């Protein structure tokens, strides 16, 4: 489920449309975010260790505080 604190470790979110999503504190370790639209998403405090951000993603206005 896409909500604050969600466990999305290892998830394949390639090409997903997550603009404006609140994923604060989520576990995105090892997730694939290739081509993902995260415009305006809140990833504050999210664990992004080992996450893959390949070309084609849209990350404008993403909140990455303490991520």
PDB file of N, CA and C in Angstrom:
ATOM      1  N   UNK A   1       0.844  -1.180   0.000  1.00  0.00           N
ATOM      2  CA  UNK A   1       0.000   0.000   0.000  1.00  0.00           C
ATOM      3  C   UNK A   1       0.887   1.239   0.000  1.00  0.00           C
ATOM      4  N   UNK A   2       0.523   2.251  -0.777  1.00  0.00           N
ATOM      5  CA  UNK A   2       1.305   3.472  -0.871  1.00  0.00           C
ATOM      6  C   UNK A   2       0.805   4.482   0.154  1.00  0.00           C
ATOM      7  N   UNK A   3       1.473   4.486   1.299  1.00  0.00           N
ATOM      8  CA  UNK A   3       1.115   5.386   2.386  1.00  0.00           C
ATOM      9  C   UNK A   3       2.356   5.662   3.212  1.00  0.00           C
ATOM     10  N   UNK A   4       2.324   6.687   4.067  1.00  0.00           N
ATOM     11  CA  UNK A   4       3.480   6.971   4.910  1.00  0.00           C
ATOM     12  C   UNK A   4       3.910   5.721   5.683  1.00  0.00           C
ATOM     13  N   UNK A   5       5.206   5.475   5.709  1.00  0.00           N
ATOM     14  CA  UNK A   5       5.753   4.349   6.446  1.00  0.00           C
ATOM     15  C   UNK A   5       5.584   2.999   5.773  1.00  0.00           C
ATOM     16  N   UNK A   6       5.120   2.971   4.535  1.00  0.00           N
ATOM     17  CA  UNK A   6       4.886   1.701   3.828  1.00  0.00           C
ATOM     18  C   UNK A   6       6.184   0.933   3.616  1.00  0.00           C
ATOM     19  N   UNK A   7       6.099  -0.390   3.629  1.00  0.00           N
ATOM     20  CA  UNK A   7       7.247  -1.239   3.329  1.00  0.00           C
ATOM     21  C   UNK A   7       7.211  -1.579   1.845  1.00  0.00           C
ATOM     22  N   UNK A   8       8.019  -0.847   1.083  1.00  0.00           N
ATOM     23  CA  UNK A   8       8.115  -1.051  -0.363  1.00  0.00           C
ATOM     24  C   UNK A   8       9.522  -1.514  -0.734  1.00  0.00           C
ATOM     25  N   UNK A   9      10.210  -2.123   0.221  1.00  0.00           N
ATOM     26  CA  UNK A   9      11.572  -2.577  -0.025  1.00  0.00           C
ATOM     27  C   UNK A   9      11.589  -3.586  -1.167  1.00  0.00           C
ATOM     28  N   UNK A  10      12.471  -3.338  -2.131  1.00  0.00           N
ATOM     29  CA  UNK A  10      12.624  -4.228  -3.266  1.00  0.00           C
ATOM     30  C   UNK A  10      11.506  -4.154  -4.293  1.00  0.00           C
ATOM     31  N   UNK A  11      10.548  -3.264  -4.104  1.00  0.00           N
ATOM     32  CA  UNK A  11       9.412  -3.163  -5.038  1.00  0.00           C
ATOM     33  C   UNK A  11       9.861  -2.603  -6.381  1.00  0.00           C
ATOM     34  N   UNK A  12       9.226  -3.065  -7.442  1.00  0.00           N
ATOM     35  CA  UNK A  12       9.482  -2.527  -8.779  1.00  0.00           C
ATOM     36  C   UNK A  12       8.415  -1.475  -9.060  1.00  0.00           C
ATOM     37  N   UNK A  13       8.787  -0.219  -8.896  1.00  0.00           N
ATOM     38  CA  UNK A  13       7.876   0.899  -9.127  1.00  0.00           C
ATOM     39  C   UNK A  13       8.217   1.612 -10.428  1.00  0.00           C
ATOM     40  N   UNK A  14       8.868   0.910 -11.334  1.00  0.00           N
ATOM     41  CA  UNK A  14       9.260   1.486 -12.618  1.00  0.00           C
ATOM     42  C   UNK A  14       8.040   2.025 -13.349  1.00  0.00           C
ATOM     43  N   UNK A  15       8.188   3.231 -13.870  1.00  0.00           N
ATOM     44  CA  UNK A  15       7.153   3.911 -14.656  1.00  0.00           C
ATOM     45  C   UNK A  15       5.860   4.182 -13.889  1.00  0.00           C
ATOM     46  N   UNK A  16       5.885   4.069 -12.563  1.00  0.00           N
ATOM     47  CA  UNK A  16       4.691   4.360 -11.763  1.00  0.00           C
ATOM     48  C   UNK A  16       4.455   5.865 -11.701  1.00  0.00           C
ATOM     49  N   UNK A  17       3.219   6.258 -11.551  1.00  0.00           N
ATOM     50  CA  UNK A  17       2.848   7.664 -11.405  1.00  0.00           C
ATOM     51  C   UNK A  17       2.552   7.908  -9.927  1.00  0.00           C
ATOM     52  N   UNK A  18       3.546   8.430  -9.227  1.00  0.00           N
ATOM     53  CA  UNK A  18       3.425   8.647  -7.790  1.00  0.00           C
ATOM     54  C   UNK A  18       3.489  10.134  -7.452  1.00  0.00           C
ATOM     55  N   UNK A  19       3.123  10.982  -8.394  1.00  0.00           N
ATOM     56  CA  UNK A  19       3.181  12.425  -8.150  1.00  0.00           C
ATOM     57  C   UNK A  19       2.271  12.784  -6.982  1.00  0.00           C
ATOM     58  N   UNK A  20       2.826  13.569  -6.068  1.00  0.00           N
ATOM     59  CA  UNK A  20       2.088  14.017  -4.895  1.00  0.00           C
ATOM     60  C   UNK A  20       1.912  12.968  -3.814  1.00  0.00           C
ATOM     61  N   UNK A  21       2.465  11.784  -3.973  1.00  0.00           N
ATOM     62  CA  UNK A  21       2.305  10.716  -2.976  1.00  0.00           C
ATOM     63  C   UNK A  21       3.034  11.062  -1.680  1.00  0.00           C
ATOM     64  N   UNK A  22       2.460  10.693  -0.551  1.00  0.00           N
ATOM     65  CA  UNK A  22       3.110  10.876   0.746  1.00  0.00           C
ATOM     66  C   UNK A  22       3.721   9.545   1.157  1.00  0.00           C
ATOM     67  N   UNK A  23       5.015   9.411   0.881  1.00  0.00           N
ATOM     68  CA  UNK A  23       5.747   8.201   1.230  1.00  0.00           C
ATOM     69  C   UNK A  23       6.764   8.498   2.330  1.00  0.00           C
ATOM     70  N   UNK A  24       6.458   9.472   3.167  1.00  0.00           N
ATOM     71  CA  UNK A  24       7.367   9.829   4.251  1.00  0.00           C
ATOM     72  C   UNK A  24       7.585   8.619   5.154  1.00  0.00           C
ATOM     73  N   UNK A  25       8.842   8.386   5.489  1.00  0.00           N
ATOM     74  CA  UNK A  25       9.193   7.270   6.365  1.00  0.00           C
ATOM     75  C   UNK A  25       9.062   5.896   5.729  1.00  0.00           C
ATOM     76  N   UNK A  26       8.773   5.841   4.442  1.00  0.00           N
ATOM     77  CA  UNK A  26       8.613   4.547   3.765  1.00  0.00           C
ATOM     78  C   UNK A  26       9.956   3.841   3.593  1.00  0.00           C
ATOM     79  N   UNK A  27       9.922   2.527   3.555  1.00  0.00           N
ATOM     80  CA  UNK A  27      11.122   1.728   3.279  1.00  0.00           C
ATOM     81  C   UNK A  27      11.144   1.438   1.784  1.00  0.00           C
ATOM     82  N   UNK A  28      11.977   2.189   1.064  1.00  0.00           N
ATOM     83  CA  UNK A  28      12.138   2.019  -0.379  1.00  0.00           C
ATOM     84  C   UNK A  28      13.502   1.426  -0.694  1.00  0.00           C
ATOM     85  N   UNK A  29      14.129   0.793   0.292  1.00  0.00           N
ATOM     86  CA  UNK A  29      15.455   0.226   0.076  1.00  0.00           C
ATOM     87  C   UNK A  29      15.395  -0.835  -1.018  1.00  0.00           C
ATOM     88  N   UNK A  30      16.291  -0.707  -1.976  1.00  0.00           N
ATOM     89  CA  UNK A  30      16.366  -1.664  -3.068  1.00  0.00           C
ATOM     90  C   UNK A  30      15.242  -1.552  -4.091  1.00  0.00           C
ATOM     91  N   UNK A  31      14.401  -0.552  -3.967  1.00  0.00           N
ATOM     92  CA  UNK A  31      13.286  -0.390  -4.914  1.00  0.00           C
ATOM     93  C   UNK A  31      13.795   0.098  -6.270  1.00  0.00           C
ATOM     94  N   UNK A  32      13.065  -0.245  -7.325  1.00  0.00           N
ATOM     95  CA  UNK A  32      13.391   0.226  -8.680  1.00  0.00           C
ATOM     96  C   UNK A  32      12.452   1.381  -8.992  1.00  0.00           C
ATOM     97  N   UNK A  33      13.034   2.544  -9.270  1.00  0.00           N
ATOM     98  CA  UNK A  33      12.265   3.750  -9.528  1.00  0.00           C
ATOM     99  C   UNK A  33      12.575   4.313 -10.907  1.00  0.00           C
ATOM    100  N   UNK A  34      12.899   3.464 -11.835  1.00  0.00           N
ATOM    101  CA  UNK A  34      13.253   3.868 -13.191  1.00  0.00           C
ATOM    102  C   UNK A  34      12.015   4.391 -13.920  1.00  0.00           C
ATOM    103  N   UNK A  35      12.073   5.628 -14.369  1.00  0.00           N
ATOM    104  CA  UNK A  35      10.967   6.223 -15.101  1.00  0.00           C
ATOM    105  C   UNK A  35       9.790   6.606 -14.230  1.00  0.00           C
ATOM    106  N   UNK A  36       9.959   6.565 -12.914  1.00  0.00           N
ATOM    107  CA  UNK A  36       8.873   6.869 -11.989  1.00  0.00           C
ATOM    108  C   UNK A  36       8.635   8.370 -11.895  1.00  0.00           C
ATOM    109  N   UNK A  37       7.372   8.783 -11.892  1.00  0.00           N
ATOM    110  CA  UNK A  37       7.015  10.184 -11.739  1.00  0.00           C
ATOM    111  C   UNK A  37       6.763  10.441 -10.254  1.00  0.00           C
ATOM    112  N   UNK A  38       7.685  11.173  -9.634  1.00  0.00           N
ATOM    113  CA  UNK A  38       7.575  11.498  -8.213  1.00  0.00           C
ATOM    114  C   UNK A  38       7.419  13.000  -7.994  1.00  0.00           C
ATOM    115  N   UNK A  39       6.903  13.709  -8.982  1.00  0.00           N
ATOM    116  CA  UNK A  39       6.748  15.159  -8.874  1.00  0.00           C
ATOM    117  C   UNK A  39       5.911  15.512  -7.646  1.00  0.00           C
ATOM    118  N   UNK A  40       6.493  16.318  -6.767  1.00  0.00           N
ATOM    119  CA  UNK A  40       5.794  16.762  -5.570  1.00  0.00           C
ATOM    120  C   UNK A  40       5.589  15.699  -4.507  1.00  0.00           C
ATOM    121  N   UNK A  41       6.213  14.549  -4.655  1.00  0.00           N
ATOM    122  CA  UNK A  41       6.066  13.480  -3.660  1.00  0.00           C
ATOM    123  C   UNK A  41       6.834  13.825  -2.387  1.00  0.00           C
ATOM    124  N   UNK A  42       6.382  13.298  -1.266  1.00  0.00           N
ATOM    125  CA  UNK A  42       7.046  13.502   0.017  1.00  0.00           C
ATOM    126  C   UNK A  42       7.770  12.215   0.394  1.00  0.00           C
ATOM    127  N   UNK A  43       9.096  12.258   0.312  1.00  0.00           N
ATOM    128  CA  UNK A  43       9.920  11.110   0.687  1.00  0.00           C
ATOM    129  C   UNK A  43      10.744  11.423   1.945  1.00  0.00           C
ATOM    130  N   UNK A  44      10.291  12.383   2.712  1.00  0.00           N
ATOM    131  CA  UNK A  44      10.986  12.778   3.927  1.00  0.00           C
ATOM    132  C   UNK A  44      11.146  11.588   4.866  1.00  0.00           C
ATOM    133  N   UNK A  45      12.384  11.315   5.256  1.00  0.00           N
ATOM    134  CA  UNK A  45      12.666  10.222   6.181  1.00  0.00           C
ATOM    135  C   UNK A  45      12.569   8.836   5.571  1.00  0.00           C
ATOM    136  N   UNK A  46      12.368   8.757   4.263  1.00  0.00           N
ATOM    137  CA  UNK A  46      12.283   7.443   3.604  1.00  0.00           C
ATOM    138  C   UNK A  46      13.666   6.810   3.494  1.00  0.00           C
ATOM    139  N   UNK A  47      13.719   5.490   3.569  1.00  0.00           N
ATOM    140  CA  UNK A  47      14.979   4.756   3.396  1.00  0.00           C
ATOM    141  C   UNK A  47      15.136   4.457   1.906  1.00  0.00           C
ATOM    142  N   UNK A  48      16.086   5.141   1.266  1.00  0.00           N
ATOM    143  CA  UNK A  48      16.334   4.977  -0.168  1.00  0.00           C
ATOM    144  C   UNK A  48      17.634   4.225  -0.438  1.00  0.00           C
ATOM    145  N   UNK A  49      18.165   3.564   0.578  1.00  0.00           N
ATOM    146  CA  UNK A  49      19.435   2.855   0.393  1.00  0.00           C
ATOM    147  C   UNK A  49      19.282   1.749  -0.647  1.00  0.00           C
ATOM    148  N   UNK A  50      20.146   1.777  -1.630  1.00  0.00           N
ATOM    149  CA  UNK A  50      20.144   0.768  -2.675  1.00  0.00           C
ATOM    150  C   UNK A  50      19.033   0.921  -3.702  1.00  0.00           C
ATOM    151  N   UNK A  51      18.233   1.994  -3.588  1.00  0.00           N
ATOM    152  CA  UNK A  51      17.168   2.218  -4.574  1.00  0.00           C
ATOM    153  C   UNK A  51      17.799   2.614  -5.909  1.00  0.00           C
ATOM    154  N   UNK A  52      17.169   2.203  -7.006  1.00  0.00           N
ATOM    155  CA  UNK A  52      17.688   2.491  -8.351  1.00  0.00           C
ATOM    156  C   UNK A  52      16.862   3.584  -8.996  1.00  0.00           C
ATOM    157  N   UNK A  53      17.539   4.691  -9.313  1.00  0.00           N
ATOM    158  CA  UNK A  53      16.924   5.828  -9.994  1.00  0.00           C
ATOM    159  C   UNK A  53      17.546   5.926 -11.376  1.00  0.00           C
ATOM    160  N   UNK A  54      17.111   5.111 -12.308  1.00  0.00           N
ATOM    161  CA  UNK A  54      17.662   5.146 -13.654  1.00  0.00           C
ATOM    162  C   UNK A  54      17.054   6.299 -14.445  1.00  0.00           C
ATOM    163  N   UNK A  55      17.549   6.502 -15.642  1.00  0.00           N
ATOM    164  CA  UNK A  55      17.092   7.600 -16.496  1.00  0.00           C
ATOM    165  C   UNK A  55      15.588   7.542 -16.728  1.00  0.00           C
ATOM    166  N   UNK A  56      15.018   8.708 -16.930  1.00  0.00           N
ATOM    167  CA  UNK A  56      13.611   8.800 -17.288  1.00  0.00           C
ATOM    168  C   UNK A  56      12.683   9.135 -16.140  1.00  0.00           C
ATOM    169  N   UNK A  57      13.199   9.193 -14.924  1.00  0.00           N
ATOM    170  CA  UNK A  57      12.347   9.528 -13.789  1.00  0.00           C
ATOM    171  C   UNK A  57      12.084  11.019 -13.721  1.00  0.00           C
ATOM    172  N   UNK A  58      11.015  11.412 -13.100  1.00  0.00           N
ATOM    173  CA  UNK A  58      10.645  12.812 -12.953  1.00  0.00           C
ATOM    174  C   UNK A  58      10.591  13.114 -11.469  1.00  0.00           C
ATOM    175  N   UNK A  59      11.549  13.928 -10.990  1.00  0.00           N
ATOM    176  CA  UNK A  59      11.710  14.146  -9.558  1.00  0.00           C
ATOM    177  C   UNK A  59      11.618  15.611  -9.154  1.00  0.00           C
ATOM    178  N   UNK A  60      10.910  16.429  -9.907  1.00  0.00           N
ATOM    179  CA  UNK A  60      10.809  17.851  -9.593  1.00  0.00           C
ATOM    180  C   UNK A  60       9.959  18.056  -8.341  1.00  0.00           C
ATOM    181  N   UNK A  61      10.435  18.912  -7.453  1.00  0.00           N
ATOM    182  CA  UNK A  61       9.746  19.279  -6.221  1.00  0.00           C
ATOM    183  C   UNK A  61       9.550  18.115  -5.256  1.00  0.00           C
ATOM    184  N   UNK A  62      10.435  17.132  -5.294  1.00  0.00           N
ATOM    185  CA  UNK A  62      10.356  16.004  -4.374  1.00  0.00           C
ATOM    186  C   UNK A  62      10.981  16.399  -3.034  1.00  0.00           C
ATOM    187  N   UNK A  63      10.308  16.111  -1.934  1.00  0.00           N
ATOM    188  CA  UNK A  63      10.822  16.387  -0.609  1.00  0.00           C
ATOM    189  C   UNK A  63      11.658  15.187  -0.167  1.00  0.00           C
ATOM    190  N   UNK A  64      12.979  15.406  -0.082  1.00  0.00           N
ATOM    191  CA  UNK A  64      13.886  14.320   0.319  1.00  0.00           C
ATOM    192  C   UNK A  64      14.541  14.604   1.662  1.00  0.00           C
ATOM    193  N   UNK A  65      13.946  15.444   2.489  1.00  0.00           N
ATOM    194  CA  UNK A  65      14.541  15.758   3.789  1.00  0.00           C
ATOM    195  C   UNK A  65      14.718  14.490   4.614  1.00  0.00           C
ATOM    196  N   UNK A  66      15.921  14.321   5.122  1.00  0.00           N
ATOM    197  CA  UNK A  66      16.280  13.182   5.972  1.00  0.00           C
ATOM    198  C   UNK A  66      16.072  11.838   5.296  1.00  0.00           C
ATOM    199  N   UNK A  67      16.006  11.828   3.976  1.00  0.00           N
ATOM    200  CA  UNK A  67      15.825  10.563   3.255  1.00  0.00           C
ATOM    201  C   UNK A  67      17.160   9.882   3.088  1.00  0.00           C
TER     202      UNK A  67
END
